[in-house]
Amino acid sequence: MTSSMTGFASREAHGPYGQLTCELRSVNHRYLESGFRLPEELRSLEIELRQSVARELGRGKVDCSFHLRSAPRGDRELSIDTPALLRLMSAIKKIVVHQPFALINNPYGQINILDVLRWPGVLQDTTLDTDSLKTACRTLFAETLADLVANRAREGARLQELIEQRCATLTKTVLAVRERIPELRIRLGQKLRERVAELAVTIDPQRLEQELLLLVQRADVDEELDRLNGHIEEIKHVINGHQAAGRRLDFLMQELNREANTLSSKSQELDTTRLAVDMKVLIEQMREQIQNIE
């Protein structure tokens, strides 16, 4: 089943910890790349969450954001992590050493106490059950990731429908070119005989037939049309398969474009050239859609 690389999903959960929100966004990318923005209490889960993304998705740039809005503190006990505070103050002192004038009244420079308390890890809520928060995070992430996968699948189904429509139109265009081949060969013969008549010279009929055969061979596009049909059938097979299709489809677009260019260069009449241009327009439209397919 075709899946898109673009999608969005968002969920939230409520508990003693407060309100936890998870957002997942994905866009097209050559490979799978995931980035996480997690609250301090959940940073230890990043590797685990990253592995979950790798199990469910094949390609795309995925951004994950968790937002924790703590429940009203009320009478809950708060404590200061003294080692973390000492490390922070030591780092500040090293910085202000380069500004001696700041040490006259304050060995740590101008410090806002509230900013110190806001520093991750300094102020701790001793009543927060970290284990239950992590469990809620895992559950919420799994649900949000499932929503993202479903969203990408729906978008992929829409892209598949568009590609199938263009494949059907491309097949009709290939057929239109093939139907013109007998008429084109007749016109080549007529044009050659007209030129001979204009020159008012006598040419051996056998030699004339040889020249006509050479013209027909140069204008022969049966092989290109057969390959175009073969690539179209392969596209249908790939988009209805169960494997990631984006890379293979991108390669098939290159092959289709190559055959359309060859067809255009061999064209001996304006109508065939127009049909070749129509093919290239359809191929480019499909290529743009395929850039979003996983």
C-alpha atoms as a PDB file:
ATOM      1  CA  MET A   1       0.000   0.000   0.000  1.00  0.00           C
ATOM      2  CA  THR A   2       1.373   3.405  -0.984  1.00  0.00           C
ATOM      3  CA  SER A   3       2.172   5.693   1.933  1.00  0.00           C
ATOM      4  CA  SER A   4       2.942   9.406   1.884  1.00  0.00           C
ATOM      5  CA  MET A   5       5.854  10.927   3.784  1.00  0.00           C
ATOM      6  CA  THR A   6       3.822  13.976   4.829  1.00  0.00           C
ATOM      7  CA  GLY A   7       1.468  13.818   7.774  1.00  0.00           C
ATOM      8  CA  PHE A   8       0.493  15.227  11.166  1.00  0.00           C
ATOM      9  CA  ALA A   9      -0.923  13.775  14.370  1.00  0.00           C
ATOM     10  CA  SER A  10      -1.587  15.181  17.830  1.00  0.00           C
ATOM     11  CA  ARG A  11      -2.905  13.694  21.069  1.00  0.00           C
ATOM     12  CA  GLU A  12      -2.988  14.618  24.733  1.00  0.00           C
ATOM     13  CA  ALA A  13      -3.345  12.767  28.007  1.00  0.00           C
ATOM     14  CA  HIS A  14      -4.283  13.873  31.536  1.00  0.00           C
ATOM     15  CA  GLY A  15      -3.175  12.469  34.873  1.00  0.00           C
ATOM     16  CA  PRO A  16      -1.741  13.368  38.277  1.00  0.00           C
ATOM     17  CA  TYR A  17       1.249  14.789  36.430  1.00  0.00           C
ATOM     18  CA  GLY A  18      -0.975  17.311  34.620  1.00  0.00           C
ATOM     19  CA  GLN A  19      -1.520  17.563  30.856  1.00  0.00           C
ATOM     20  CA  LEU A  20       0.849  15.817  28.444  1.00  0.00           C
ATOM     21  CA  THR A  21       0.625  16.652  24.724  1.00  0.00           C
ATOM     22  CA  CYS A  22       2.371  14.858  21.865  1.00  0.00           C
ATOM     23  CA  GLU A  23       2.658  16.222  18.310  1.00  0.00           C
ATOM     24  CA  LEU A  24       4.181  14.414  15.346  1.00  0.00           C
ATOM     25  CA  ARG A  25       4.907  16.033  11.977  1.00  0.00           C
ATOM     26  CA  SER A  26       6.555  14.407   8.970  1.00  0.00           C
ATOM     27  CA  VAL A  27       7.679  15.699   5.582  1.00  0.00           C
ATOM     28  CA  ASN A  28       9.474  14.163   2.627  1.00  0.00           C
ATOM     29  CA  HIS A  29      13.145  13.279   2.982  1.00  0.00           C
ATOM     30  CA  ARG A  30      15.626  10.963   1.267  1.00  0.00           C
ATOM     31  CA  TYR A  31      16.037   8.884   4.426  1.00  0.00           C
ATOM     32  CA  LEU A  32      14.389   8.484   7.831  1.00  0.00           C
ATOM     33  CA  GLU A  33      15.387  11.302  10.164  1.00  0.00           C
ATOM     34  CA  SER A  34      13.671  11.916  13.492  1.00  0.00           C
ATOM     35  CA  GLY A  35      14.052  14.763  15.973  1.00  0.00           C
ATOM     36  CA  PHE A  36      12.620  15.037  19.490  1.00  0.00           C
ATOM     37  CA  ARG A  37      11.833  17.889  21.863  1.00  0.00           C
ATOM     38  CA  LEU A  38      11.121  16.406  25.279  1.00  0.00           C
ATOM     39  CA  PRO A  39      10.609  17.790  28.798  1.00  0.00           C
ATOM     40  CA  GLU A  40      13.513  17.160  31.161  1.00  0.00           C
ATOM     41  CA  GLU A  41      11.544  14.407  32.925  1.00  0.00           C
ATOM     42  CA  LEU A  42      11.204  12.411  29.678  1.00  0.00           C
ATOM     43  CA  ARG A  43      14.582  12.846  28.010  1.00  0.00           C
ATOM     44  CA  SER A  44      15.701   9.381  29.027  1.00  0.00           C
ATOM     45  CA  LEU A  45      13.016   7.940  26.696  1.00  0.00           C
ATOM     46  CA  GLU A  46      14.356   9.544  23.511  1.00  0.00           C
ATOM     47  CA  ILE A  47      16.257   6.479  22.249  1.00  0.00           C
ATOM     48  CA  GLU A  48      13.267   4.231  22.913  1.00  0.00           C
ATOM     49  CA  LEU A  49      10.889   6.578  21.098  1.00  0.00           C
ATOM     50  CA  ARG A  50      13.311   6.948  18.189  1.00  0.00           C
ATOM     51  CA  GLN A  51      13.392   3.167  17.796  1.00  0.00           C
ATOM     52  CA  SER A  52       9.584   3.083  17.717  1.00  0.00           C
ATOM     53  CA  VAL A  53       9.607   5.550  14.817  1.00  0.00           C
ATOM     54  CA  ALA A  54      12.140   3.399  12.936  1.00  0.00           C
ATOM     55  CA  ARG A  55       9.919   0.316  13.320  1.00  0.00           C
ATOM     56  CA  GLU A  56       6.849   2.043  11.888  1.00  0.00           C
ATOM     57  CA  LEU A  57       8.238   4.396   9.221  1.00  0.00           C
ATOM     58  CA  GLY A  58      10.654   3.890   6.361  1.00  0.00           C
ATOM     59  CA  ARG A  59      11.430   7.393   5.116  1.00  0.00           C
ATOM     60  CA  GLY A  60      10.695  10.996   5.973  1.00  0.00           C
ATOM     61  CA  LYS A  61      11.802  13.751   8.321  1.00  0.00           C
ATOM     62  CA  VAL A  62       9.813  13.313  11.538  1.00  0.00           C
ATOM     63  CA  ASP A  63       9.600  15.946  14.276  1.00  0.00           C
ATOM     64  CA  CYS A  64       8.193  14.984  17.671  1.00  0.00           C
ATOM     65  CA  SER A  65       7.280  17.456  20.412  1.00  0.00           C
ATOM     66  CA  PHE A  66       6.121  16.656  23.943  1.00  0.00           C
ATOM     67  CA  HIS A  67       4.685  19.415  26.119  1.00  0.00           C
ATOM     68  CA  LEU A  68       4.066  18.883  29.833  1.00  0.00           C
ATOM     69  CA  ARG A  69       1.788  21.276  31.671  1.00  0.00           C
ATOM     70  CA  SER A  70       2.128  20.335  35.319  1.00  0.00           C
ATOM     71  CA  ALA A  71      -0.916  20.089  37.552  1.00  0.00           C
ATOM     72  CA  PRO A  72      -1.453  22.978  40.042  1.00  0.00           C
ATOM     73  CA  ARG A  73       1.258  22.702  42.665  1.00  0.00           C
ATOM     74  CA  GLY A  74      -0.952  23.506  45.679  1.00  0.00           C
ATOM     75  CA  ASP A  75       0.751  22.169  48.786  1.00  0.00           C
ATOM     76  CA  ARG A  76       3.059  19.799  46.925  1.00  0.00           C
ATOM     77  CA  GLU A  77       6.602  19.735  48.241  1.00  0.00           C
ATOM     78  CA  LEU A  78       9.370  21.222  46.122  1.00  0.00           C
ATOM     79  CA  SER A  79      13.082  20.609  46.603  1.00  0.00           C
ATOM     80  CA  ILE A  80      16.321  21.905  45.153  1.00  0.00           C
ATOM     81  CA  ASP A  81      18.835  19.536  43.615  1.00  0.00           C
ATOM     82  CA  THR A  82      21.918  20.906  45.378  1.00  0.00           C
ATOM     83  CA  PRO A  83      24.550  19.189  43.140  1.00  0.00           C
ATOM     84  CA  ALA A  84      22.814  20.537  40.021  1.00  0.00           C
ATOM     85  CA  LEU A  85      22.655  24.020  41.559  1.00  0.00           C
ATOM     86  CA  LEU A  86      26.375  23.932  42.467  1.00  0.00           C
ATOM     87  CA  ARG A  87      27.307  22.872  38.942  1.00  0.00           C
ATOM     88  CA  LEU A  88      25.255  25.733  37.516  1.00  0.00           C
ATOM     89  CA  MET A  89      26.798  28.312  39.868  1.00  0.00           C
ATOM     90  CA  SER A  90      30.290  27.031  39.092  1.00  0.00           C
ATOM     91  CA  ALA A  91      29.665  27.472  35.374  1.00  0.00           C
ATOM     92  CA  ILE A  92      28.360  31.016  35.948  1.00  0.00           C
ATOM     93  CA  LYS A  93      31.407  31.898  38.020  1.00  0.00           C
ATOM     94  CA  LYS A  94      33.732  30.774  35.210  1.00  0.00           C
ATOM     95  CA  ILE A  95      31.913  33.072  32.821  1.00  0.00           C
ATOM     96  CA  VAL A  96      32.005  36.192  35.004  1.00  0.00           C
ATOM     97  CA  VAL A  97      35.731  35.735  35.658  1.00  0.00           C
ATOM     98  CA  HIS A  98      36.176  37.408  32.289  1.00  0.00           C
ATOM     99  CA  GLN A  99      34.228  40.433  33.601  1.00  0.00           C
ATOM    100  CA  PRO A 100      36.082  41.457  36.834  1.00  0.00           C
ATOM    101  CA  PHE A 101      33.887  44.537  37.399  1.00  0.00           C
ATOM    102  CA  ALA A 102      30.921  42.183  37.983  1.00  0.00           C
ATOM    103  CA  LEU A 103      32.691  40.606  40.978  1.00  0.00           C
ATOM    104  CA  ILE A 104      32.858  43.758  43.126  1.00  0.00           C
ATOM    105  CA  ASN A 105      29.541  43.190  44.913  1.00  0.00           C
ATOM    106  CA  ASN A 106      28.584  39.719  43.719  1.00  0.00           C
ATOM    107  CA  PRO A 107      31.068  36.887  43.094  1.00  0.00           C
ATOM    108  CA  TYR A 108      28.619  35.400  40.606  1.00  0.00           C
ATOM    109  CA  GLY A 109      27.763  38.533  38.649  1.00  0.00           C
ATOM    110  CA  GLN A 110      24.198  39.764  38.244  1.00  0.00           C
ATOM    111  CA  ILE A 111      22.012  36.668  38.768  1.00  0.00           C
ATOM    112  CA  ASN A 112      18.226  36.436  38.693  1.00  0.00           C
ATOM    113  CA  ILE A 113      17.208  33.833  41.279  1.00  0.00           C
ATOM    114  CA  LEU A 114      14.055  32.914  39.349  1.00  0.00           C
ATOM    115  CA  ASP A 115      16.163  32.189  36.271  1.00  0.00           C
ATOM    116  CA  VAL A 116      18.302  29.860  38.380  1.00  0.00           C
ATOM    117  CA  LEU A 117      15.236  28.014  39.642  1.00  0.00           C
ATOM    118  CA  ARG A 118      13.944  27.656  36.065  1.00  0.00           C
ATOM    119  CA  TRP A 119      17.142  25.922  34.964  1.00  0.00           C
ATOM    120  CA  PRO A 120      16.323  22.275  34.088  1.00  0.00           C
ATOM    121  CA  GLY A 121      16.944  19.952  37.004  1.00  0.00           C
ATOM    122  CA  VAL A 122      17.510  22.578  39.714  1.00  0.00           C
ATOM    123  CA  LEU A 123      13.969  22.693  41.080  1.00  0.00           C
ATOM    124  CA  GLN A 124      12.309  19.322  41.563  1.00  0.00           C
ATOM    125  CA  ASP A 125       8.773  18.313  42.406  1.00  0.00           C
ATOM    126  CA  THR A 126       9.284  15.513  44.911  1.00  0.00           C
ATOM    127  CA  THR A 127       5.683  14.398  44.595  1.00  0.00           C
ATOM    128  CA  LEU A 128       5.848  13.843  40.812  1.00  0.00           C
ATOM    129  CA  ASP A 129       5.678  10.128  39.976  1.00  0.00           C
ATOM    130  CA  THR A 130       8.213   9.952  37.172  1.00  0.00           C
ATOM    131  CA  ASP A 131       7.494   6.287  36.414  1.00  0.00           C
ATOM    132  CA  SER A 132       3.790   6.897  35.820  1.00  0.00           C
ATOM    133  CA  LEU A 133       4.660   9.921  33.656  1.00  0.00           C
ATOM    134  CA  LYS A 134       6.978   7.806  31.507  1.00  0.00           C
ATOM    135  CA  THR A 135       4.338   5.112  31.168  1.00  0.00           C
ATOM    136  CA  ALA A 136       1.815   7.725  30.060  1.00  0.00           C
ATOM    137  CA  CYS A 137       4.396   9.086  27.610  1.00  0.00           C
ATOM    138  CA  ARG A 138       4.951   5.663  26.008  1.00  0.00           C
ATOM    139  CA  THR A 139       1.218   5.058  25.638  1.00  0.00           C
ATOM    140  CA  LEU A 140       0.533   8.531  24.272  1.00  0.00           C
ATOM    141  CA  PHE A 141       3.413   8.315  21.799  1.00  0.00           C
ATOM    142  CA  ALA A 142       2.261   4.901  20.505  1.00  0.00           C
ATOM    143  CA  GLU A 143      -1.253   6.245  19.915  1.00  0.00           C
ATOM    144  CA  THR A 144       0.022   9.411  18.211  1.00  0.00           C
ATOM    145  CA  LEU A 145       2.429   7.432  16.019  1.00  0.00           C
ATOM    146  CA  ALA A 146      -0.422   5.132  14.972  1.00  0.00           C
ATOM    147  CA  ASP A 147      -2.450   8.210  14.005  1.00  0.00           C
ATOM    148  CA  LEU A 148       0.485   9.525  11.969  1.00  0.00           C
ATOM    149  CA  VAL A 149       0.876   6.209  10.145  1.00  0.00           C
ATOM    150  CA  ALA A 150      -2.847   6.187   9.335  1.00  0.00           C
ATOM    151  CA  ASN A 151      -2.680   9.818   8.175  1.00  0.00           C
ATOM    152  CA  ARG A 152       0.248   9.053   5.884  1.00  0.00           C
ATOM    153  CA  ALA A 153      -1.599   6.014   4.528  1.00  0.00           C
ATOM    154  CA  ARG A 154      -4.676   8.089   3.662  1.00  0.00           C
ATOM    155  CA  GLU A 155      -2.519  10.683   1.914  1.00  0.00           C
ATOM    156  CA  GLY A 156      -0.683   7.870   0.132  1.00  0.00           C
ATOM    157  CA  ALA A 157      -3.974   6.436  -1.145  1.00  0.00           C
ATOM    158  CA  ARG A 158      -4.851   9.830  -2.596  1.00  0.00           C
ATOM    159  CA  LEU A 159      -1.449  10.076  -4.300  1.00  0.00           C
ATOM    160  CA  GLN A 160      -1.846   6.545  -5.642  1.00  0.00           C
ATOM    161  CA  GLU A 161      -5.184   7.465  -7.189  1.00  0.00           C
ATOM    162  CA  LEU A 162      -3.645  10.508  -8.905  1.00  0.00           C
ATOM    163  CA  ILE A 163      -0.751   8.462 -10.253  1.00  0.00           C
ATOM    164  CA  GLU A 164      -3.067   5.743 -11.565  1.00  0.00           C
ATOM    165  CA  GLN A 165      -5.138   8.374 -13.367  1.00  0.00           C
ATOM    166  CA  ARG A 166      -2.052   9.779 -15.063  1.00  0.00           C
ATOM    167  CA  CYS A 167      -0.829   6.300 -15.947  1.00  0.00           C
ATOM    168  CA  ALA A 168      -4.163   5.654 -17.686  1.00  0.00           C
ATOM    169  CA  THR A 169      -3.852   8.915 -19.634  1.00  0.00           C
ATOM    170  CA  LEU A 170      -0.238   8.098 -20.533  1.00  0.00           C
ATOM    171  CA  THR A 171      -1.318   4.676 -21.811  1.00  0.00           C
ATOM    172  CA  LYS A 172      -3.881   6.321 -24.098  1.00  0.00           C
ATOM    173  CA  THR A 173      -1.240   8.725 -25.389  1.00  0.00           C
ATOM    174  CA  VAL A 174       1.132   5.840 -26.173  1.00  0.00           C
ATOM    175  CA  LEU A 175      -1.697   4.122 -28.052  1.00  0.00           C
ATOM    176  CA  ALA A 176      -2.400   7.299 -30.019  1.00  0.00           C
ATOM    177  CA  VAL A 177       1.240   7.433 -31.146  1.00  0.00           C
ATOM    178  CA  ARG A 178       1.216   3.751 -32.092  1.00  0.00           C
ATOM    179  CA  GLU A 179      -1.909   4.215 -34.199  1.00  0.00           C
ATOM    180  CA  ARG A 180      -0.166   6.942 -36.180  1.00  0.00           C
ATOM    181  CA  ILE A 181       2.804   4.788 -37.158  1.00  0.00           C
ATOM    182  CA  PRO A 182       1.277   3.211 -40.337  1.00  0.00           C
ATOM    183  CA  GLU A 183       0.121   6.620 -41.543  1.00  0.00           C
ATOM    184  CA  LEU A 184       3.553   8.086 -40.780  1.00  0.00           C
ATOM    185  CA  ARG A 185       5.263   5.427 -42.907  1.00  0.00           C
ATOM    186  CA  ILE A 186       2.951   6.181 -45.807  1.00  0.00           C
ATOM    187  CA  ARG A 187       3.683   9.890 -45.519  1.00  0.00           C
ATOM    188  CA  LEU A 188       7.426   9.266 -45.472  1.00  0.00           C
ATOM    189  CA  GLY A 189       7.127   7.335 -48.742  1.00  0.00           C
ATOM    190  CA  GLN A 190       5.010  10.048 -50.322  1.00  0.00           C
ATOM    191  CA  LYS A 191       7.388  12.791 -49.205  1.00  0.00           C
ATOM    192  CA  LEU A 192      10.410  10.916 -50.597  1.00  0.00           C
ATOM    193  CA  ARG A 193       8.739  10.371 -53.979  1.00  0.00           C
ATOM    194  CA  GLU A 194       7.683  14.012 -54.136  1.00  0.00           C
ATOM    195  CA  ARG A 195      11.266  15.135 -53.606  1.00  0.00           C
ATOM    196  CA  VAL A 196      12.498  12.795 -56.314  1.00  0.00           C
ATOM    197  CA  ALA A 197       9.839  14.175 -58.679  1.00  0.00           C
ATOM    198  CA  GLU A 198      10.898  17.748 -57.865  1.00  0.00           C
ATOM    199  CA  LEU A 199      14.479  16.908 -58.832  1.00  0.00           C
ATOM    200  CA  ALA A 200      13.243  15.462 -62.148  1.00  0.00           C
ATOM    201  CA  VAL A 201      15.719  12.595 -61.990  1.00  0.00           C
ATOM    202  CA  THR A 202      15.345   8.910 -62.589  1.00  0.00           C
ATOM    203  CA  ILE A 203      16.147   6.686 -59.619  1.00  0.00           C
ATOM    204  CA  ASP A 204      16.312   2.924 -59.546  1.00  0.00           C
ATOM    205  CA  PRO A 205      13.138   1.657 -57.799  1.00  0.00           C
ATOM    206  CA  GLN A 206      15.203  -0.704 -55.654  1.00  0.00           C
ATOM    207  CA  ARG A 207      17.409   2.170 -54.523  1.00  0.00           C
ATOM    208  CA  LEU A 208      14.318   4.204 -53.735  1.00  0.00           C
ATOM    209  CA  GLU A 209      12.969   1.409 -51.586  1.00  0.00           C
ATOM    210  CA  GLN A 210      16.274   1.180 -49.727  1.00  0.00           C
ATOM    211  CA  GLU A 211      16.186   4.896 -48.934  1.00  0.00           C
ATOM    212  CA  LEU A 212      12.604   4.618 -47.792  1.00  0.00           C
ATOM    213  CA  LEU A 213      13.538   1.702 -45.551  1.00  0.00           C
ATOM    214  CA  LEU A 214      16.308   3.785 -43.952  1.00  0.00           C
ATOM    215  CA  LEU A 215      13.871   6.648 -43.289  1.00  0.00           C
ATOM    216  CA  VAL A 216      11.369   4.273 -41.708  1.00  0.00           C
ATOM    217  CA  GLN A 217      14.071   2.729 -39.491  1.00  0.00           C
ATOM    218  CA  ARG A 218      15.197   6.149 -38.248  1.00  0.00           C
ATOM    219  CA  ALA A 219      11.599   7.052 -37.407  1.00  0.00           C
ATOM    220  CA  ASP A 220      10.748   3.673 -35.885  1.00  0.00           C
ATOM    221  CA  VAL A 221       9.512   4.122 -32.280  1.00  0.00           C
ATOM    222  CA  ASP A 222       8.008   0.685 -31.619  1.00  0.00           C
ATOM    223  CA  GLU A 223      10.757  -0.150 -29.131  1.00  0.00           C
ATOM    224  CA  GLU A 224      10.273   3.110 -27.217  1.00  0.00           C
ATOM    225  CA  LEU A 225       6.497   2.597 -27.081  1.00  0.00           C
ATOM    226  CA  ASP A 226       6.937  -0.963 -25.821  1.00  0.00           C
ATOM    227  CA  ARG A 227       9.255   0.226 -23.063  1.00  0.00           C
ATOM    228  CA  LEU A 228       6.849   3.006 -22.115  1.00  0.00           C
ATOM    229  CA  ASN A 229       4.052   0.462 -21.702  1.00  0.00           C
ATOM    230  CA  GLY A 230       6.377  -1.795 -19.712  1.00  0.00           C
ATOM    231  CA  HIS A 231       7.308   1.017 -17.319  1.00  0.00           C
ATOM    232  CA  ILE A 232       3.649   1.963 -16.866  1.00  0.00           C
ATOM    233  CA  GLU A 233       2.785  -1.615 -15.899  1.00  0.00           C
ATOM    234  CA  GLU A 234       5.710  -1.678 -13.461  1.00  0.00           C
ATOM    235  CA  ILE A 235       4.457   1.543 -11.839  1.00  0.00           C
ATOM    236  CA  LYS A 236       1.044  -0.062 -11.289  1.00  0.00           C
ATOM    237  CA  HIS A 237       2.705  -3.125  -9.789  1.00  0.00           C
ATOM    238  CA  VAL A 238       4.886  -1.068  -7.428  1.00  0.00           C
ATOM    239  CA  ILE A 239       2.159   1.222  -6.087  1.00  0.00           C
ATOM    240  CA  ASN A 240      -0.062  -1.774  -5.353  1.00  0.00           C
ATOM    241  CA  GLY A 241       2.704  -3.653  -3.544  1.00  0.00           C
ATOM    242  CA  HIS A 242       3.430  -3.801   0.177  1.00  0.00           C
ATOM    243  CA  GLN A 243       6.960  -2.383   0.149  1.00  0.00           C
ATOM    244  CA  ALA A 244       8.197   1.226   0.237  1.00  0.00           C
ATOM    245  CA  ALA A 245       7.718   2.448  -3.338  1.00  0.00           C
ATOM    246  CA  GLY A 246       9.147   5.973  -3.482  1.00  0.00           C
ATOM    247  CA  ARG A 247      12.706   5.204  -4.623  1.00  0.00           C
ATOM    248  CA  ARG A 248      11.639   2.693  -7.270  1.00  0.00           C
ATOM    249  CA  LEU A 249       8.945   5.008  -8.603  1.00  0.00           C
ATOM    250  CA  ASP A 250      11.453   7.832  -8.845  1.00  0.00           C
ATOM    251  CA  PHE A 251      13.716   5.611 -10.952  1.00  0.00           C
ATOM    252  CA  LEU A 252      10.789   4.632 -13.192  1.00  0.00           C
ATOM    253  CA  MET A 253      10.010   8.320 -13.766  1.00  0.00           C
ATOM    254  CA  GLN A 254      13.542   8.792 -15.060  1.00  0.00           C
ATOM    255  CA  GLU A 255      13.097   5.866 -17.436  1.00  0.00           C
ATOM    256  CA  LEU A 256       9.748   7.158 -18.671  1.00  0.00           C
ATOM    257  CA  ASN A 257      11.214  10.582 -19.314  1.00  0.00           C
ATOM    258  CA  ARG A 258      14.139   9.072 -21.219  1.00  0.00           C
ATOM    259  CA  GLU A 259      11.798   7.164 -23.556  1.00  0.00           C
ATOM    260  CA  ALA A 260       9.587  10.233 -24.081  1.00  0.00           C
ATOM    261  CA  ASN A 261      12.650  12.305 -25.012  1.00  0.00           C
ATOM    262  CA  THR A 262      13.772   9.659 -27.510  1.00  0.00           C
ATOM    263  CA  LEU A 263      10.281   9.547 -28.985  1.00  0.00           C
ATOM    264  CA  SER A 264      10.309  13.317 -29.397  1.00  0.00           C
ATOM    265  CA  SER A 265      13.738  13.311 -31.080  1.00  0.00           C
ATOM    266  CA  LYS A 266      12.602  10.658 -33.585  1.00  0.00           C
ATOM    267  CA  SER A 267       9.354  12.424 -34.380  1.00  0.00           C
ATOM    268  CA  GLN A 268       8.845  13.189 -38.063  1.00  0.00           C
ATOM    269  CA  GLU A 269       5.626  15.164 -37.731  1.00  0.00           C
ATOM    270  CA  LEU A 270       4.106  17.853 -35.560  1.00  0.00           C
ATOM    271  CA  ASP A 271       1.277  15.711 -34.143  1.00  0.00           C
ATOM    272  CA  THR A 272       3.671  13.082 -32.818  1.00  0.00           C
ATOM    273  CA  THR A 273       5.844  15.785 -31.288  1.00  0.00           C
ATOM    274  CA  ARG A 274       2.812  17.220 -29.494  1.00  0.00           C
ATOM    275  CA  LEU A 275       1.935  13.782 -28.146  1.00  0.00           C
ATOM    276  CA  ALA A 276       5.511  13.359 -26.878  1.00  0.00           C
ATOM    277  CA  VAL A 277       5.256  16.723 -25.104  1.00  0.00           C
ATOM    278  CA  ASP A 278       1.959  15.615 -23.529  1.00  0.00           C
ATOM    279  CA  MET A 279       3.744  12.510 -22.246  1.00  0.00           C
ATOM    280  CA  LYS A 280       6.504  14.555 -20.641  1.00  0.00           C
ATOM    281  CA  VAL A 281       3.940  16.797 -18.935  1.00  0.00           C
ATOM    282  CA  LEU A 282       2.199  13.738 -17.454  1.00  0.00           C
ATOM    283  CA  ILE A 283       5.511  12.243 -16.359  1.00  0.00           C
ATOM    284  CA  GLU A 284       6.530  15.479 -14.636  1.00  0.00           C
ATOM    285  CA  GLN A 285       3.172  15.641 -12.837  1.00  0.00           C
ATOM    286  CA  MET A 286       3.681  12.095 -11.558  1.00  0.00           C
ATOM    287  CA  ARG A 287       7.251  12.846 -10.544  1.00  0.00           C
ATOM    288  CA  GLU A 288       6.105  15.749  -8.377  1.00  0.00           C
ATOM    289  CA  GLN A 289       3.590  13.532  -6.596  1.00  0.00           C
ATOM    290  CA  ILE A 290       6.119  10.743  -6.132  1.00  0.00           C
ATOM    291  CA  GLN A 291       8.461  13.054  -4.217  1.00  0.00           C
ATOM    292  CA  ASN A 292       6.046  12.654  -1.264  1.00  0.00           C
ATOM    293  CA  ILE A 293       5.754   8.862  -1.424  1.00  0.00           C
ATOM    294  CA  GLU A 294       7.636   6.818   1.175  1.00  0.00           C
END
